[in-house]
């Protein structure tokens, strides 16, 4: 079958490799509304903002920011990590937002001279979305926006806060590429629409400019499965909802991969003898590692993703797509059940300089997320990014 990956490892795939795939897979699946006028946040100094942490990332202290909802988010924080060296003329910048349930750590296998984003040539800034557990999230927020009072943060808000990081900390005024996968791809689209004169290229992998009704319905289903857990009270989980997280994972399983993946038994190549083993050892195990409140916060952002839902475009998606000046490479998976090829084709028709290049695969939304498995898909994606950056 076209696009079927060749595996070097079969049922004896080491546990460490399984864990690597699981860490990368679920994404395989806040906003500064006041960009002008009275709601504009007074910038703080780069020295005050760029704080060292005991972890492998840095924190940009945003201060108090006005969200698109009107809520003022106090002490907002944006976690990020950089790779490579910023060129003297600052012309080699790649911005890479994180995806659903992932962090910068889950993106690192993409960043290497022989991979998709080359840090020997480019300065790669991986930014963690709100709700990721490292940037401001339900799991680390303090009163008055803690617990069930954690506010909804749009992707417009996420990207505007990322823009503050890029400009205030690094003094960057041009972005060579905004690259993203899944919700990261949706944010790459937002970069192109919100900052059309700044962003030179965007690459959207398995993402969309606006979350479709079909995608929204999927998310509503897994949200219902999670919040049906008896521990859900007052819009909050005070302790891990084990049953809910397991149900959440099983709901994700039928959408994250294609029917052909299951009918051809590719889960066996990952070391799982049966579908039930795969559901328990892969999907349930992955989501049991995550904070349920963080998952719900990012789920809202995903459901409501829309590059036109802001004061610049007033909900006019065609206008927002047409305003993107960047060279755009839109790369859906041929078998993605979240972000379909037809959906991306409809968007690409309104891009002034866009190309639709579907990835041949039966891996559905999880295309190119297994560092040592989906080699053909990874090579296809890497080729596309190289060609885009050289254009």
Protein backbone atom coordinates (compact mmCIF):
# COMPACT_ATOMS: atom_id res chain seq x y z
CA UNK A 1 0.00 0.00 0.00
CA UNK A 2 1.19 3.48 -0.85
CA UNK A 3 2.92 5.16 2.07
CA UNK A 4 3.21 2.09 4.30
CA UNK A 5 6.32 2.61 6.44
CA UNK A 6 9.18 0.18 6.59
CA UNK A 7 10.21 -0.81 10.11
CA UNK A 8 13.58 -1.96 11.27
CA UNK A 9 12.14 -2.99 14.62
CA UNK A 10 9.24 -5.38 14.98
CA UNK A 11 7.50 -6.86 18.01
CA UNK A 12 10.71 -6.68 20.01
CA UNK A 13 10.87 -2.88 19.88
CA UNK A 14 12.57 -1.81 23.13
CA UNK A 15 10.45 -0.33 25.87
CA UNK A 16 12.46 2.90 25.66
CA UNK A 17 11.50 3.27 22.00
CA UNK A 18 7.85 2.68 22.85
CA UNK A 19 8.06 5.37 25.49
CA UNK A 20 9.68 7.74 23.00
CA UNK A 21 6.78 7.19 20.63
CA UNK A 22 4.24 7.60 23.42
CA UNK A 23 5.83 10.86 24.54
CA UNK A 24 5.59 12.20 21.00
CA UNK A 25 2.19 10.88 20.16
CA UNK A 26 -0.75 12.43 21.87
CA UNK A 27 -0.49 15.73 20.16
CA UNK A 28 -0.36 13.50 17.19
CA UNK A 29 -2.59 14.69 17.95
CA UNK A 30 -4.33 33.67 26.71
CA UNK A 31 -4.41 36.38 24.48
CA UNK A 32 -3.34 39.96 24.22
CA UNK A 33 -6.58 41.30 22.83
CA UNK A 34 -5.27 44.74 23.63
CA UNK A 35 -2.76 45.08 20.84
CA UNK A 36 -3.33 48.78 20.95
CA UNK A 37 -4.84 51.40 23.18
CA UNK A 38 -5.80 51.13 26.79
CA UNK A 39 -5.39 47.32 27.05
CA UNK A 40 -1.84 47.24 25.78
CA UNK A 41 0.54 45.71 28.31
CA UNK A 42 3.61 47.79 29.09
CA UNK A 43 6.63 45.70 28.00
CA UNK A 44 9.01 44.55 30.69
CA UNK A 45 12.72 44.35 30.11
CA UNK A 46 14.31 41.34 28.49
CA UNK A 47 16.61 41.03 31.50
CA UNK A 48 13.64 40.80 33.85
CA UNK A 49 11.71 38.52 31.55
CA UNK A 50 14.31 35.92 30.65
CA UNK A 51 14.72 33.97 33.86
CA UNK A 52 16.85 30.89 34.33
CA UNK A 53 15.13 27.83 35.75
CA UNK A 54 16.47 24.61 37.23
CA UNK A 55 14.94 22.82 34.26
CA UNK A 56 16.11 22.68 30.67
CA UNK A 57 14.04 25.65 29.58
CA UNK A 58 13.64 29.35 30.34
CA UNK A 59 10.65 31.35 31.51
CA UNK A 60 9.50 34.60 29.95
CA UNK A 61 7.61 36.56 32.61
CA UNK A 62 4.76 38.22 30.72
CA UNK A 63 3.36 40.07 33.71
CA UNK A 64 -0.38 40.76 33.66
CA UNK A 65 -1.97 40.27 30.25
CA UNK A 66 -5.48 40.95 29.00
CA UNK A 67 -7.02 37.86 27.46
CA UNK A 68 -9.36 37.95 24.50
CA UNK A 69 -12.20 37.20 26.92
CA UNK A 70 -11.39 40.34 28.88
CA UNK A 71 -9.96 38.43 31.83
CA UNK A 72 -6.65 39.79 33.10
CA UNK A 73 -4.20 36.92 33.58
CA UNK A 74 -1.86 37.83 36.43
CA UNK A 75 1.77 36.70 36.44
CA UNK A 76 1.49 34.91 33.10
CA UNK A 77 4.52 32.81 32.15
CA UNK A 78 5.75 31.45 28.85
CA UNK A 79 8.23 28.56 28.86
CA UNK A 80 10.58 28.15 25.92
CA UNK A 81 13.85 26.60 24.80
CA UNK A 82 16.20 27.62 22.00
CA UNK A 83 18.44 25.54 19.74
CA UNK A 84 21.24 26.81 17.53
CA UNK A 85 22.74 30.30 17.33
CA UNK A 86 20.98 33.51 16.37
CA UNK A 87 22.65 35.04 13.32
CA UNK A 88 24.12 38.55 13.69
CA UNK A 89 21.42 39.91 11.37
CA UNK A 90 18.76 37.75 13.09
CA UNK A 91 17.66 36.33 9.76
CA UNK A 92 17.70 32.62 10.69
CA UNK A 93 14.78 32.38 13.12
CA UNK A 94 12.36 29.46 13.23
CA UNK A 95 9.46 29.65 15.68
CA UNK A 96 8.02 26.26 16.63
CA UNK A 97 5.02 26.21 19.00
CA UNK A 98 4.22 23.02 20.90
CA UNK A 99 1.27 20.72 20.13
CA UNK A 100 -1.57 19.27 22.19
CA UNK A 101 -0.27 17.70 25.43
CA UNK A 102 3.33 18.08 24.26
CA UNK A 103 6.22 20.28 25.40
CA UNK A 104 9.55 21.35 23.96
CA UNK A 105 10.99 17.98 25.00
CA UNK A 106 8.63 16.18 22.64
CA UNK A 107 9.81 18.33 19.73
CA UNK A 108 13.52 17.71 20.20
CA UNK A 109 13.80 14.68 17.93
CA UNK A 110 12.80 16.97 15.05
CA UNK A 111 15.69 19.33 15.73
CA UNK A 112 19.03 18.06 14.40
CA UNK A 113 21.21 18.67 11.32
CA UNK A 114 19.88 15.49 9.69
CA UNK A 115 16.26 15.94 10.78
CA UNK A 116 13.54 18.46 9.98
CA UNK A 117 14.75 21.64 11.71
CA UNK A 118 18.51 22.17 11.42
CA UNK A 119 20.04 24.01 14.44
CA UNK A 120 23.41 24.21 12.71
CA UNK A 121 21.85 26.72 10.31
CA UNK A 122 18.82 28.10 12.13
CA UNK A 123 17.95 29.52 15.52
CA UNK A 124 14.95 27.46 16.61
CA UNK A 125 12.67 28.78 19.35
CA UNK A 126 10.32 26.12 20.69
CA UNK A 127 7.52 27.75 22.69
CA UNK A 128 5.22 25.85 25.03
CA UNK A 129 1.53 26.62 24.75
CA UNK A 130 -0.47 27.70 27.73
CA UNK A 131 -1.83 24.58 29.41
CA UNK A 132 1.31 22.57 28.62
CA UNK A 133 2.28 22.27 32.27
CA UNK A 134 5.43 24.38 31.88
CA UNK A 135 3.95 27.64 30.62
CA UNK A 136 1.03 29.00 32.66
CA UNK A 137 -1.38 26.10 33.13
CA UNK A 138 -4.10 24.89 35.47
CA UNK A 139 -1.50 22.69 37.17
CA UNK A 140 0.75 25.61 38.14
CA UNK A 141 -1.54 28.65 38.37
CA UNK A 142 -2.16 30.51 41.61
CA UNK A 143 -5.20 32.40 42.97
CA UNK A 144 -7.33 34.02 41.79
CA UNK A 145 -7.08 32.05 38.50
CA UNK A 146 -6.36 28.64 39.98
CA UNK A 147 -8.41 25.44 39.96
CA UNK A 148 -11.74 25.79 38.16
CA UNK A 149 -11.20 29.51 37.67
CA UNK A 150 -8.37 29.01 35.16
CA UNK A 151 -9.37 31.12 32.12
CA UNK A 152 -9.82 30.08 28.51
CA UNK A 153 -6.82 31.07 26.39
CA UNK A 154 -7.17 31.25 22.62
CA UNK A 155 -4.47 30.43 20.10
CA UNK A 156 -4.57 34.06 19.04
CA UNK A 157 -3.59 34.86 22.61
CA UNK A 158 -0.89 32.22 22.68
CA UNK A 159 0.71 33.54 19.49
CA UNK A 160 0.55 37.18 20.56
CA UNK A 161 2.36 36.26 23.76
CA UNK A 162 4.89 34.27 21.72
CA UNK A 163 5.38 37.40 19.61
CA UNK A 164 6.26 39.33 22.75
CA UNK A 165 8.88 36.71 23.60
CA UNK A 166 10.42 36.86 20.13
CA UNK A 167 10.53 40.65 19.97
CA UNK A 168 11.18 41.67 23.57
CA UNK A 169 13.71 39.03 24.59
CA UNK A 170 15.54 38.52 21.28
CA UNK A 171 14.83 41.76 19.38
CA UNK A 172 13.71 39.79 16.32
CA UNK A 173 11.63 41.53 13.66
CA UNK A 174 11.61 38.81 10.98
CA UNK A 175 10.75 35.13 11.28
CA UNK A 176 12.18 32.93 8.53
CA UNK A 177 9.73 30.14 9.31
CA UNK A 178 6.82 29.46 11.64
CA UNK A 179 6.64 25.66 11.80
CA UNK A 180 4.11 23.58 13.66
CA UNK A 181 2.50 20.19 13.93
CA UNK A 182 -1.16 19.64 14.91
CA UNK A 183 -2.10 22.48 17.30
CA UNK A 184 1.41 23.77 16.65
CA UNK A 185 0.43 23.94 12.97
CA UNK A 186 -2.68 25.90 13.89
CA UNK A 187 -0.40 28.33 15.73
CA UNK A 188 1.89 28.57 12.70
CA UNK A 189 -1.17 29.59 10.69
CA UNK A 190 -1.94 32.20 13.37
CA UNK A 191 1.61 33.58 13.12
CA UNK A 192 1.12 34.12 9.39
CA UNK A 193 -2.25 35.82 9.80
CA UNK A 194 -1.51 37.93 12.87
CA UNK A 195 1.94 39.11 11.78
CA UNK A 196 1.90 39.04 7.97
CA UNK A 197 4.75 41.53 7.56
CA UNK A 198 7.02 39.68 9.97
CA UNK A 199 6.67 36.03 8.95
CA UNK A 200 8.36 34.99 5.72
CA UNK A 201 7.26 31.34 5.61
CA UNK A 202 4.88 29.01 7.39
CA UNK A 203 4.77 25.22 7.40
CA UNK A 204 1.55 23.71 8.74
CA UNK A 205 1.77 19.95 9.35
CA UNK A 206 -1.52 18.24 10.19
CA UNK A 207 -3.18 21.48 11.26
CA UNK A 208 -5.81 23.94 10.07
CA UNK A 209 -6.65 27.63 10.05
CA UNK A 210 -9.92 26.96 11.87
CA UNK A 211 -11.00 23.86 13.79
CA UNK A 212 -13.65 22.11 11.73
CA UNK A 213 -17.05 20.98 13.07
CA UNK A 214 -15.93 17.36 12.67
CA UNK A 215 -12.81 17.99 14.74
CA UNK A 216 -14.88 19.89 17.33
CA UNK A 217 -17.23 16.91 17.69
CA UNK A 218 -14.32 14.54 18.30
CA UNK A 219 -13.00 16.82 21.03
CA UNK A 220 -16.46 17.16 22.59
CA UNK A 221 -16.63 13.36 22.79
CA UNK A 222 -13.33 12.81 24.58
CA UNK A 223 -14.03 15.76 26.87
CA UNK A 224 -17.33 14.13 27.85
CA UNK A 225 -15.54 10.84 28.50
CA UNK A 226 -13.00 12.52 30.75
CA UNK A 227 -15.42 14.69 32.72
CA UNK A 228 -17.82 11.76 33.25
CA UNK A 229 -15.35 10.59 35.89
CA UNK A 230 -16.92 10.97 39.36
CA UNK A 231 -13.94 13.08 40.47
CA UNK A 232 -15.00 15.97 38.21
CA UNK A 233 -16.39 18.63 40.55
CA UNK A 234 -16.74 22.40 40.21
CA UNK A 235 -14.96 22.36 36.83
CA UNK A 236 -11.89 20.77 38.39
CA UNK A 237 -10.15 17.48 39.12
CA UNK A 238 -8.66 17.68 42.60
CA UNK A 239 -6.95 14.32 42.05
CA UNK A 240 -6.05 12.28 38.96
CA UNK A 241 -9.19 10.81 37.33
CA UNK A 242 -7.77 7.43 36.37
CA UNK A 243 -10.98 6.10 34.83
CA UNK A 244 -11.57 9.31 32.95
CA UNK A 245 -8.05 9.45 31.56
CA UNK A 246 -8.28 5.84 30.39
CA UNK A 247 -11.57 6.57 28.63
CA UNK A 248 -10.03 9.72 27.13
CA UNK A 249 -7.18 7.65 25.68
CA UNK A 250 -9.50 5.04 24.22
CA UNK A 251 -11.59 7.74 22.60
CA UNK A 252 -8.45 9.26 21.09
CA UNK A 253 -7.29 5.88 19.74
CA UNK A 254 -9.92 5.61 17.03
CA UNK A 255 -9.18 9.07 15.66
CA UNK A 256 -5.42 9.47 16.05
CA UNK A 257 -4.63 6.66 13.63
CA UNK A 258 -6.26 5.53 10.40
CA UNK A 259 -8.49 2.46 9.97
CA UNK A 260 -5.76 0.98 7.76
CA UNK A 261 -3.26 1.24 10.61
CA UNK A 262 -5.42 -1.12 12.65
CA UNK A 263 -6.53 -3.42 9.84
CA UNK A 264 -2.91 -3.97 8.82
CA UNK A 265 -1.88 -4.61 12.43
CA UNK A 266 0.84 -1.98 12.59
CA UNK A 267 0.44 -1.80 16.36
CA UNK A 268 2.26 -5.15 16.40
CA UNK A 269 5.33 -3.43 14.97
CA UNK A 270 5.34 -1.27 18.09
CA UNK A 271 5.48 -4.33 20.33
CA UNK A 272 1.76 -4.71 21.12
CA UNK A 273 0.41 -8.19 20.19
CA UNK A 274 -3.27 -7.22 20.23
CA UNK A 275 -5.44 -4.14 19.82
CA UNK A 276 -6.35 -4.33 23.50
CA UNK A 277 -2.67 -4.38 24.44
CA UNK A 278 -2.21 -1.29 22.28
CA UNK A 279 -5.16 0.51 23.88
CA UNK A 280 -3.87 -0.19 27.37
CA UNK A 281 -0.11 0.01 26.83
CA UNK A 282 -0.08 2.94 24.45
CA UNK A 283 -3.17 5.15 24.63
CA UNK A 284 -4.19 4.69 28.25
CA UNK A 285 -0.60 4.75 29.45
CA UNK A 286 0.15 7.96 27.57
CA UNK A 287 -2.74 9.98 28.96
CA UNK A 288 -2.32 8.64 32.47
CA UNK A 289 0.98 10.56 32.52
CA UNK A 290 -0.83 13.87 32.01
CA UNK A 291 -2.65 16.35 34.18
CA UNK A 292 -6.34 16.14 33.30
CA UNK A 293 -6.99 19.82 33.97
CA UNK A 294 -4.20 20.81 31.58
CA UNK A 295 -5.64 18.52 28.91
CA UNK A 296 -9.03 20.20 29.24
CA UNK A 297 -7.53 23.70 29.08
CA UNK A 298 -5.70 22.95 25.84
CA UNK A 299 -8.73 21.10 24.48
CA UNK A 300 -10.75 24.30 24.73
CA UNK A 301 -8.03 26.17 22.84
CA UNK A 302 -8.09 23.50 20.14
CA UNK A 303 -11.87 23.52 19.80
CA UNK A 304 -11.91 27.29 19.42
CA UNK A 305 -8.88 27.70 17.15
CA UNK A 306 -9.59 30.19 14.36
CA UNK A 307 -7.10 32.58 12.74
CA UNK A 308 -9.93 35.02 11.96
CA UNK A 309 -11.47 35.17 15.47
CA UNK A 310 -9.95 38.51 16.44
CA UNK A 311 -10.34 42.22 15.87
CA UNK A 312 -8.16 42.11 12.73
CA UNK A 313 -10.50 39.88 10.72
CA UNK A 314 -13.81 39.81 12.58
CA UNK A 315 -14.41 36.12 11.90
CA UNK A 316 -13.82 36.39 8.14
CA UNK A 317 -11.66 33.32 7.44
CA UNK A 318 -11.23 34.08 3.75
CA UNK A 319 -9.96 37.55 4.61
CA UNK A 320 -7.53 36.14 7.18
CA UNK A 321 -6.17 33.54 4.78
CA UNK A 322 -5.80 36.14 2.04
CA UNK A 323 -3.85 38.43 4.37
CA UNK A 324 -1.08 35.87 4.88
CA UNK A 325 1.94 37.07 2.91
CA UNK A 326 4.26 34.23 3.90
CA UNK A 327 5.14 31.42 1.56
CA UNK A 328 2.97 28.64 2.95
CA UNK A 329 3.51 24.90 2.78
CA UNK A 330 0.45 23.03 4.01
CA UNK A 331 1.21 19.35 4.67
CA UNK A 332 -1.74 17.25 5.85
CA UNK A 333 -1.55 13.52 6.35
CA UNK A 334 -3.53 11.74 3.63
CA UNK A 335 -5.31 9.75 6.34
CA UNK A 336 -5.67 12.33 9.12
CA UNK A 337 -9.12 12.18 10.76
CA UNK A 338 -8.67 15.50 12.60
CA UNK A 339 -7.34 17.81 9.88
CA UNK A 340 -8.36 16.49 6.48
CA UNK A 341 -6.79 17.06 3.07
CA UNK A 342 -10.03 18.51 1.67
CA UNK A 343 -10.17 21.01 4.52
CA UNK A 344 -6.59 22.15 3.87
CA UNK A 345 -7.23 22.29 0.12
CA UNK A 346 -10.13 24.68 0.70
CA UNK A 347 -7.87 26.89 2.84
CA UNK A 348 -4.96 26.80 0.40
CA UNK A 349 -7.20 28.15 -2.36
CA UNK A 350 -7.26 31.51 -0.56
CA UNK A 351 -3.54 31.71 0.23
CA UNK A 352 -1.67 34.11 -2.02
CA UNK A 353 1.48 31.99 -2.04
CA UNK A 354 0.53 28.57 -0.73
CA UNK A 355 1.19 24.97 -1.69
CA UNK A 356 -0.76 21.91 -0.56
CA UNK A 357 1.50 18.85 -0.28
CA UNK A 358 -0.24 15.87 1.40
CA UNK A 359 1.97 13.30 3.12
CA UNK A 360 1.43 9.74 1.81
CA UNK A 361 0.83 7.56 4.87
CA UNK A 362 -1.54 5.24 6.69
CA UNK A 363 -0.46 6.62 10.07
CA UNK A 364 -3.28 9.12 10.25
CA UNK A 365 -2.62 12.09 12.49
CA UNK A 366 0.46 10.46 14.02
CA UNK A 367 2.42 10.78 10.79
CA UNK A 368 6.17 11.33 11.23
CA UNK A 369 6.05 11.15 15.01
CA UNK A 370 7.98 7.92 15.48
CA UNK A 371 11.62 9.00 15.30
CA UNK A 372 12.93 5.61 14.16
CA UNK A 373 9.82 4.22 12.51
CA UNK A 374 8.05 6.45 10.02
CA UNK A 375 11.19 7.01 8.03
CA UNK A 376 9.55 7.60 4.66
CA UNK A 377 7.11 10.12 6.09
CA UNK A 378 9.82 11.92 8.06
CA UNK A 379 11.97 12.17 4.92
CA UNK A 380 9.01 13.51 2.94
CA UNK A 381 8.38 16.17 5.58
CA UNK A 382 12.06 17.10 5.87
CA UNK A 383 12.31 17.53 2.10
CA UNK A 384 9.34 19.86 2.10
CA UNK A 385 10.79 22.03 4.88
CA UNK A 386 14.20 22.22 3.17
CA UNK A 387 12.61 23.29 -0.11
CA UNK A 388 10.47 25.89 1.65
CA UNK A 389 13.45 27.39 3.49
CA UNK A 390 15.50 27.55 0.30
CA UNK A 391 12.74 29.36 -1.60
